[in-house]
Amino acid sequence: MHYGQIPSVDVKDVPADAFLLDVREPDEWAAGRAEGALHIPIGEIVARVGEVTERAGDARVHVVCRVGGRSAQVTQFLVAQGVDAVNVDGGMQSWAAAGRPLTADGGDAFVL
């Protein structure tokens, strides 16, 4: 898939109060995630897109995965549905590398 025309944003430009959609798998989510993000694995996004539109309202949806490939696919899907969505370049690896806050299910948070 070609991602050149997918709207994207650098992790440093994601506002602290941004609406984040994490499309990683449950084990990745449990290990480390952005506080307050909505978790919908990529395989469930089509069936659960209503949750995204309901939670986001008119806010821009910042989509993340581990490095940006899965989130680019989801961003493309959401844009096609009329959602204001952007892919976060570099995903959660860039998020962690930039020193953005992480939380986890017990123990130290890290990006799988």
N, C-alpha and C. Protein backbone atom coordinates (compact mmCIF):
# COMPACT_ATOMS: atom_id res chain seq x y z
N MET A 1 0.85 -1.19 0.00
CA MET A 1 0.00 0.00 0.00
C MET A 1 0.88 1.24 0.00
N HIS A 2 0.50 2.23 -0.76
CA HIS A 2 1.24 3.49 -0.83
C HIS A 2 0.64 4.46 0.19
N TYR A 3 1.51 4.97 1.07
CA TYR A 3 1.04 5.84 2.14
C TYR A 3 1.29 7.32 1.89
N GLY A 4 1.81 7.67 0.72
CA GLY A 4 2.20 9.04 0.45
C GLY A 4 1.08 10.06 0.59
N GLN A 5 -0.15 9.67 0.34
CA GLN A 5 -1.24 10.63 0.38
C GLN A 5 -2.07 10.51 1.66
N ILE A 6 -1.56 9.79 2.62
CA ILE A 6 -2.23 9.65 3.91
C ILE A 6 -1.89 10.87 4.75
N PRO A 7 -2.89 11.56 5.30
CA PRO A 7 -2.56 12.69 6.18
C PRO A 7 -1.75 12.19 7.38
N SER A 8 -0.67 12.89 7.69
CA SER A 8 0.17 12.44 8.80
C SER A 8 0.68 13.64 9.59
N VAL A 9 1.17 13.33 10.79
CA VAL A 9 1.68 14.35 11.69
C VAL A 9 2.88 13.77 12.45
N ASP A 10 3.87 14.61 12.70
CA ASP A 10 5.01 14.20 13.50
C ASP A 10 4.57 14.08 14.96
N VAL A 11 5.16 13.12 15.67
CA VAL A 11 4.75 12.87 17.06
C VAL A 11 4.90 14.11 17.93
N LYS A 12 5.90 14.93 17.66
CA LYS A 12 6.09 16.14 18.48
C LYS A 12 5.00 17.17 18.27
N ASP A 13 4.24 17.03 17.17
CA ASP A 13 3.17 17.98 16.87
C ASP A 13 1.79 17.50 17.32
N VAL A 14 1.74 16.34 17.99
CA VAL A 14 0.47 15.84 18.51
C VAL A 14 0.18 16.58 19.82
N PRO A 15 -0.94 17.30 19.89
CA PRO A 15 -1.26 18.03 21.13
C PRO A 15 -1.40 17.09 22.33
N ALA A 16 -1.07 17.59 23.51
CA ALA A 16 -1.15 16.78 24.72
C ALA A 16 -2.56 16.25 24.96
N ASP A 17 -3.57 17.01 24.54
CA ASP A 17 -4.96 16.61 24.77
C ASP A 17 -5.59 15.99 23.53
N ALA A 18 -4.77 15.54 22.59
CA ALA A 18 -5.28 14.98 21.34
C ALA A 18 -6.08 13.70 21.56
N PHE A 19 -7.02 13.45 20.66
CA PHE A 19 -7.75 12.18 20.66
C PHE A 19 -6.87 11.16 19.94
N LEU A 20 -6.45 10.13 20.67
CA LEU A 20 -5.57 9.10 20.11
C LEU A 20 -6.33 7.79 19.94
N LEU A 21 -6.15 7.18 18.79
CA LEU A 21 -6.70 5.86 18.50
C LEU A 21 -5.53 4.92 18.29
N ASP A 22 -5.39 3.93 19.17
CA ASP A 22 -4.30 2.95 19.11
C ASP A 22 -4.84 1.68 18.48
N VAL A 23 -4.29 1.29 17.33
CA VAL A 23 -4.82 0.14 16.58
C VAL A 23 -3.93 -1.10 16.71
N ARG A 24 -3.05 -1.11 17.71
CA ARG A 24 -2.18 -2.27 17.94
C ARG A 24 -2.94 -3.43 18.57
N GLU A 25 -2.28 -4.57 18.64
CA GLU A 25 -2.87 -5.76 19.23
C GLU A 25 -2.88 -5.65 20.75
N PRO A 26 -3.72 -6.46 21.44
CA PRO A 26 -3.85 -6.35 22.89
C PRO A 26 -2.53 -6.49 23.67
N ASP A 27 -1.62 -7.36 23.24
CA ASP A 27 -0.36 -7.51 23.98
C ASP A 27 0.51 -6.26 23.84
N GLU A 28 0.47 -5.63 22.69
CA GLU A 28 1.21 -4.38 22.49
C GLU A 28 0.64 -3.27 23.35
N TRP A 29 -0.69 -3.19 23.38
CA TRP A 29 -1.41 -2.19 24.18
C TRP A 29 -1.08 -2.35 25.66
N ALA A 30 -1.12 -3.59 26.15
CA ALA A 30 -0.89 -3.86 27.58
C ALA A 30 0.53 -3.46 28.00
N ALA A 31 1.50 -3.63 27.10
CA ALA A 31 2.90 -3.36 27.44
C ALA A 31 3.19 -1.87 27.60
N GLY A 32 2.54 -1.04 26.78
CA GLY A 32 2.79 0.40 26.88
C GLY A 32 1.94 1.16 25.89
N ARG A 33 1.30 2.21 26.37
CA ARG A 33 0.38 3.00 25.55
C ARG A 33 0.33 4.44 26.06
N ALA A 34 -0.23 5.29 25.21
CA ALA A 34 -0.44 6.68 25.60
C ALA A 34 -1.66 6.74 26.52
N GLU A 35 -1.53 7.47 27.60
CA GLU A 35 -2.63 7.65 28.55
C GLU A 35 -3.85 8.23 27.85
N GLY A 36 -5.00 7.62 28.07
CA GLY A 36 -6.25 8.14 27.54
C GLY A 36 -6.58 7.74 26.12
N ALA A 37 -5.70 6.97 25.47
CA ALA A 37 -5.96 6.54 24.09
C ALA A 37 -7.13 5.55 24.05
N LEU A 38 -7.83 5.53 22.93
CA LEU A 38 -8.87 4.53 22.68
C LEU A 38 -8.20 3.36 21.97
N HIS A 39 -8.42 2.15 22.45
CA HIS A 39 -7.81 0.96 21.86
C HIS A 39 -8.83 0.17 21.05
N ILE A 40 -8.58 0.10 19.74
CA ILE A 40 -9.36 -0.76 18.86
C ILE A 40 -8.36 -1.41 17.90
N PRO A 41 -8.09 -2.71 18.08
CA PRO A 41 -7.14 -3.38 17.18
C PRO A 41 -7.58 -3.24 15.72
N ILE A 42 -6.61 -3.19 14.82
CA ILE A 42 -6.88 -2.96 13.41
C ILE A 42 -7.93 -3.93 12.86
N GLY A 43 -7.92 -5.17 13.29
CA GLY A 43 -8.87 -6.15 12.78
C GLY A 43 -10.31 -5.90 13.20
N GLU A 44 -10.52 -4.99 14.16
CA GLU A 44 -11.86 -4.69 14.65
C GLU A 44 -12.37 -3.32 14.23
N ILE A 45 -11.54 -2.55 13.53
CA ILE A 45 -11.87 -1.15 13.27
C ILE A 45 -13.13 -0.99 12.42
N VAL A 46 -13.32 -1.83 11.42
CA VAL A 46 -14.49 -1.68 10.55
C VAL A 46 -15.77 -1.87 11.36
N ALA A 47 -15.79 -2.90 12.21
CA ALA A 47 -16.98 -3.19 13.01
C ALA A 47 -17.20 -2.16 14.12
N ARG A 48 -16.12 -1.49 14.56
CA ARG A 48 -16.21 -0.61 15.71
C ARG A 48 -16.00 0.87 15.38
N VAL A 49 -16.10 1.22 14.09
CA VAL A 49 -15.84 2.60 13.69
C VAL A 49 -16.78 3.58 14.38
N GLY A 50 -17.97 3.15 14.73
CA GLY A 50 -18.91 4.01 15.44
C GLY A 50 -18.37 4.48 16.77
N GLU A 51 -17.57 3.65 17.44
CA GLU A 51 -16.95 4.06 18.71
C GLU A 51 -16.00 5.23 18.49
N VAL A 52 -15.29 5.19 17.37
CA VAL A 52 -14.34 6.26 17.06
C VAL A 52 -15.09 7.56 16.83
N THR A 53 -16.10 7.52 15.97
CA THR A 53 -16.82 8.76 15.66
C THR A 53 -17.58 9.29 16.88
N GLU A 54 -18.10 8.38 17.70
CA GLU A 54 -18.81 8.81 18.91
C GLU A 54 -17.87 9.46 19.91
N ARG A 55 -16.72 8.84 20.15
CA ARG A 55 -15.77 9.36 21.13
C ARG A 55 -15.07 10.62 20.64
N ALA A 56 -14.76 10.68 19.35
CA ALA A 56 -13.99 11.80 18.82
C ALA A 56 -14.85 13.04 18.59
N GLY A 57 -16.12 12.83 18.24
CA GLY A 57 -16.96 13.98 17.90
C GLY A 57 -16.36 14.69 16.71
N ASP A 58 -16.12 15.99 16.85
CA ASP A 58 -15.52 16.78 15.77
C ASP A 58 -14.00 16.87 15.88
N ALA A 59 -13.43 16.22 16.90
CA ALA A 59 -11.99 16.30 17.11
C ALA A 59 -11.22 15.50 16.06
N ARG A 60 -10.02 15.93 15.78
CA ARG A 60 -9.13 15.17 14.89
C ARG A 60 -8.72 13.88 15.59
N VAL A 61 -8.71 12.79 14.84
CA VAL A 61 -8.30 11.48 15.36
C VAL A 61 -6.85 11.25 14.96
N HIS A 62 -5.97 11.09 15.96
CA HIS A 62 -4.56 10.78 15.73
C HIS A 62 -4.40 9.27 15.88
N VAL A 63 -4.06 8.58 14.79
CA VAL A 63 -4.02 7.13 14.77
C VAL A 63 -2.59 6.64 14.94
N VAL A 64 -2.39 5.69 15.88
CA VAL A 64 -1.06 5.15 16.15
C VAL A 64 -1.06 3.62 16.13
N CYS A 65 0.09 3.08 15.76
CA CYS A 65 0.37 1.65 15.92
C CYS A 65 1.82 1.58 16.41
N ARG A 66 2.55 0.54 16.11
CA ARG A 66 3.93 0.45 16.60
C ARG A 66 4.85 1.38 15.81
N VAL A 67 4.83 1.27 14.46
CA VAL A 67 5.74 2.08 13.65
C VAL A 67 5.04 2.93 12.58
N GLY A 68 3.75 2.71 12.32
CA GLY A 68 3.02 3.56 11.40
C GLY A 68 2.35 2.89 10.22
N GLY A 69 2.61 1.62 9.97
CA GLY A 69 2.00 0.94 8.83
C GLY A 69 0.53 0.63 9.02
N ARG A 70 0.20 -0.01 10.14
CA ARG A 70 -1.22 -0.32 10.40
C ARG A 70 -2.03 0.93 10.59
N SER A 71 -1.46 1.90 11.28
CA SER A 71 -2.21 3.14 11.52
C SER A 71 -2.44 3.91 10.22
N ALA A 72 -1.53 3.80 9.26
CA ALA A 72 -1.74 4.45 7.96
C ALA A 72 -2.95 3.84 7.26
N GLN A 73 -3.09 2.51 7.34
CA GLN A 73 -4.24 1.85 6.73
C GLN A 73 -5.54 2.30 7.39
N VAL A 74 -5.53 2.38 8.72
CA VAL A 74 -6.73 2.80 9.45
C VAL A 74 -7.04 4.28 9.15
N THR A 75 -6.02 5.10 9.10
CA THR A 75 -6.22 6.52 8.77
C THR A 75 -6.89 6.64 7.41
N GLN A 76 -6.41 5.89 6.43
CA GLN A 76 -7.00 5.92 5.09
C GLN A 76 -8.47 5.51 5.14
N PHE A 77 -8.78 4.48 5.90
CA PHE A 77 -10.17 4.03 6.05
C PHE A 77 -11.02 5.12 6.70
N LEU A 78 -10.53 5.70 7.79
CA LEU A 78 -11.31 6.72 8.51
C LEU A 78 -11.55 7.95 7.64
N VAL A 79 -10.54 8.39 6.91
CA VAL A 79 -10.70 9.54 6.03
C VAL A 79 -11.78 9.25 4.99
N ALA A 80 -11.79 8.02 4.47
CA ALA A 80 -12.81 7.63 3.49
C ALA A 80 -14.22 7.65 4.10
N GLN A 81 -14.31 7.52 5.43
CA GLN A 81 -15.60 7.58 6.13
C GLN A 81 -15.97 9.02 6.51
N GLY A 82 -15.13 9.98 6.14
CA GLY A 82 -15.40 11.38 6.45
C GLY A 82 -14.86 11.85 7.79
N VAL A 83 -14.00 11.04 8.41
CA VAL A 83 -13.42 11.39 9.72
C VAL A 83 -12.15 12.21 9.50
N ASP A 84 -11.96 13.23 10.31
CA ASP A 84 -10.72 14.02 10.29
C ASP A 84 -9.67 13.21 11.03
N ALA A 85 -8.90 12.42 10.29
CA ALA A 85 -7.92 11.51 10.90
C ALA A 85 -6.54 11.75 10.30
N VAL A 86 -5.52 11.59 11.15
CA VAL A 86 -4.12 11.68 10.72
C VAL A 86 -3.32 10.54 11.30
N ASN A 87 -2.36 10.05 10.53
CA ASN A 87 -1.45 9.01 10.98
C ASN A 87 -0.31 9.66 11.76
N VAL A 88 0.04 9.09 12.91
CA VAL A 88 1.17 9.60 13.68
C VAL A 88 2.43 8.91 13.15
N ASP A 89 3.29 9.70 12.48
CA ASP A 89 4.51 9.16 11.89
C ASP A 89 5.37 8.44 12.93
N GLY A 90 5.80 7.24 12.59
CA GLY A 90 6.68 6.49 13.48
C GLY A 90 5.98 5.78 14.62
N GLY A 91 4.67 6.00 14.76
CA GLY A 91 3.87 5.29 15.75
C GLY A 91 4.36 5.43 17.19
N MET A 92 4.08 4.39 17.96
CA MET A 92 4.41 4.42 19.39
C MET A 92 5.91 4.33 19.64
N GLN A 93 6.67 3.80 18.68
CA GLN A 93 8.13 3.81 18.85
C GLN A 93 8.63 5.25 18.86
N SER A 94 8.13 6.08 17.94
CA SER A 94 8.51 7.49 17.93
C SER A 94 7.97 8.22 19.15
N TRP A 95 6.75 7.84 19.57
CA TRP A 95 6.14 8.44 20.76
C TRP A 95 7.07 8.25 21.97
N ALA A 96 7.50 7.01 22.18
CA ALA A 96 8.38 6.71 23.32
C ALA A 96 9.73 7.39 23.16
N ALA A 97 10.30 7.37 21.95
CA ALA A 97 11.61 7.98 21.70
C ALA A 97 11.59 9.48 21.94
N ALA A 98 10.42 10.10 21.71
CA ALA A 98 10.27 11.55 21.92
C ALA A 98 10.04 11.90 23.38
N GLY A 99 9.95 10.86 24.23
CA GLY A 99 9.75 11.11 25.66
C GLY A 99 8.31 11.41 26.02
N ARG A 100 7.37 11.10 25.11
CA ARG A 100 5.95 11.30 25.42
C ARG A 100 5.55 10.28 26.48
N PRO A 101 4.60 10.60 27.35
CA PRO A 101 4.25 9.70 28.46
C PRO A 101 3.62 8.38 28.01
N LEU A 102 3.98 7.32 28.73
CA LEU A 102 3.44 5.98 28.51
C LEU A 102 2.88 5.44 29.81
N THR A 103 1.88 4.58 29.69
CA THR A 103 1.35 3.86 30.83
C THR A 103 1.21 2.40 30.41
N ALA A 104 1.08 1.50 31.39
CA ALA A 104 1.00 0.07 31.09
C ALA A 104 0.13 -0.64 32.11
N ASP A 105 -0.19 -1.90 31.80
CA ASP A 105 -0.92 -2.74 32.75
C ASP A 105 0.06 -3.33 33.74
N GLY A 106 0.43 -2.57 34.77
CA GLY A 106 1.38 -3.03 35.78
C GLY A 106 2.82 -2.99 35.26
N GLY A 107 3.76 -2.68 36.12
CA GLY A 107 5.16 -2.65 35.73
C GLY A 107 5.50 -1.45 34.86
N ASP A 108 6.71 -1.51 34.33
CA ASP A 108 7.21 -0.42 33.50
C ASP A 108 6.61 -0.49 32.11
N ALA A 109 6.26 0.67 31.57
CA ALA A 109 5.68 0.75 30.23
C ALA A 109 6.80 0.74 29.19
N PHE A 110 6.57 0.01 28.10
CA PHE A 110 7.50 -0.01 26.97
C PHE A 110 6.71 -0.34 25.71
N VAL A 111 7.31 -0.08 24.56
CA VAL A 111 6.64 -0.33 23.29
C VAL A 111 7.15 -1.65 22.73
N LEU A 112 6.21 -2.58 22.53
CA LEU A 112 6.56 -3.88 21.92
C LEU A 112 6.82 -3.71 20.46
